[in-house]
Amino acid sequence: MKVKKRAAAVAAIAHLGSLYAVAELVHAIRGEQWHRLEDHLDRVDDRADNALAACTQAGDGAFATWLENTAMHGTDAVCAVTARFGREPVR
């Protein structure tokens, strides 16, 4: 059962990471936000939180913590890349 919960958590985090990267790149390059993408990102974030909680409840808290920390490193990398664009928002 832990393998199934791990797979769900990894899939949710991978989906979340790719959406986050696209949203941040669009904002950095074009200076605008895609509200539909942001809404979808919020829903996927909720699914990822639920998947990580399911791992923790199944006694796999160490894996959930590791996966969450790995995802945070990914978001830090995206922020470092998008900070180089430094465009002013569209008015």
Protein backbone atom coordinates (compact mmCIF):
# COMPACT_ATOMS: atom_id res chain seq x y z
CA MET A 1 0.00 0.00 0.00
CA LYS A 2 2.89 2.37 0.70
CA VAL A 3 4.10 2.00 -2.88
CA LYS A 4 0.73 3.10 -4.22
CA LYS A 5 0.65 6.12 -1.91
CA ARG A 6 4.24 7.00 -2.81
CA ALA A 7 3.41 6.80 -6.52
CA ALA A 8 0.39 9.07 -6.05
CA ALA A 9 2.48 11.59 -4.10
CA VAL A 10 5.28 11.59 -6.68
CA ALA A 11 2.78 12.03 -9.53
CA ALA A 12 1.03 14.90 -7.76
CA ILE A 13 4.31 16.67 -6.93
CA ALA A 14 5.62 16.20 -10.49
CA HIS A 15 2.39 17.63 -11.92
CA LEU A 16 2.51 20.50 -9.46
CA GLY A 17 6.15 21.25 -10.25
CA SER A 18 5.60 21.43 -13.99
CA LEU A 19 2.57 23.71 -13.61
CA TYR A 20 4.45 25.92 -11.16
CA ALA A 21 7.39 26.26 -13.56
CA VAL A 22 5.09 27.25 -16.44
CA ALA A 23 3.19 29.77 -14.30
CA GLU A 24 6.39 31.39 -13.04
CA LEU A 25 7.98 31.51 -16.50
CA VAL A 26 4.88 33.10 -18.03
CA HIS A 27 4.82 35.68 -15.28
CA ALA A 28 8.55 36.40 -15.62
CA ILE A 29 8.64 36.57 -19.42
CA ARG A 30 5.30 38.17 -20.24
CA GLY A 31 4.58 39.94 -16.97
CA GLU A 32 1.08 38.50 -16.73
CA GLN A 33 -0.74 35.76 -14.89
CA TRP A 34 -2.97 33.12 -16.39
CA HIS A 35 -5.81 32.90 -13.91
CA ARG A 36 -7.07 29.54 -15.16
CA LEU A 37 -3.59 28.11 -14.72
CA GLU A 38 -3.35 29.61 -11.23
CA ASP A 39 -6.72 28.08 -10.31
CA HIS A 40 -5.63 24.68 -11.62
CA LEU A 41 -2.35 25.05 -9.74
CA ASP A 42 -4.30 25.58 -6.50
CA ARG A 43 -6.34 22.40 -7.10
CA VAL A 44 -3.24 20.34 -7.87
CA ASP A 45 -1.55 21.77 -4.77
CA ASP A 46 -4.47 20.50 -2.67
CA ARG A 47 -4.12 17.05 -4.25
CA ALA A 48 -0.38 17.03 -3.55
CA ASP A 49 -1.00 18.00 0.08
CA ASN A 50 -3.55 15.18 0.40
CA ALA A 51 -1.16 12.67 -1.18
CA LEU A 52 1.65 13.69 1.19
CA ALA A 53 -0.73 13.44 4.15
CA ALA A 54 -1.78 9.95 3.02
CA CYS A 55 1.87 8.89 2.96
CA THR A 56 2.37 10.25 6.46
CA GLN A 57 -0.76 8.50 7.74
CA ALA A 58 0.44 5.24 6.20
CA GLY A 59 3.61 5.47 8.30
CA ASP A 60 5.79 6.81 5.51
CA GLY A 61 6.40 10.28 6.95
CA ALA A 62 10.11 10.21 6.17
CA PHE A 63 9.38 9.75 2.47
CA ALA A 64 6.74 12.50 2.52
CA THR A 65 9.19 14.89 4.18
CA TRP A 66 11.94 14.00 1.70
CA LEU A 67 9.59 14.49 -1.26
CA GLU A 68 8.35 17.82 0.05
CA ASN A 69 11.93 19.05 0.64
CA THR A 70 12.92 17.92 -2.87
CA ALA A 71 9.97 19.82 -4.32
CA MET A 72 11.02 22.93 -2.41
CA HIS A 73 14.49 22.71 -3.94
CA GLY A 74 12.80 22.56 -7.34
CA THR A 75 10.76 25.68 -6.64
CA ASP A 76 13.90 27.45 -5.46
CA ALA A 77 15.56 26.59 -8.78
CA VAL A 78 12.58 27.90 -10.75
CA CYS A 79 12.65 31.13 -8.74
CA ALA A 80 16.38 31.54 -9.39
CA VAL A 81 15.86 31.14 -13.13
CA THR A 82 12.83 33.41 -13.37
CA ALA A 83 14.51 36.11 -11.28
CA ARG A 84 16.98 36.59 -14.12
CA PHE A 85 14.22 37.81 -16.42
CA GLY A 86 13.28 40.66 -14.10
CA ARG A 87 10.64 42.24 -16.32
CA GLU A 88 8.20 44.81 -15.06
CA PRO A 89 4.59 43.61 -14.90
CA VAL A 90 2.30 44.60 -17.74
CA ARG A 91 0.10 47.53 -16.74
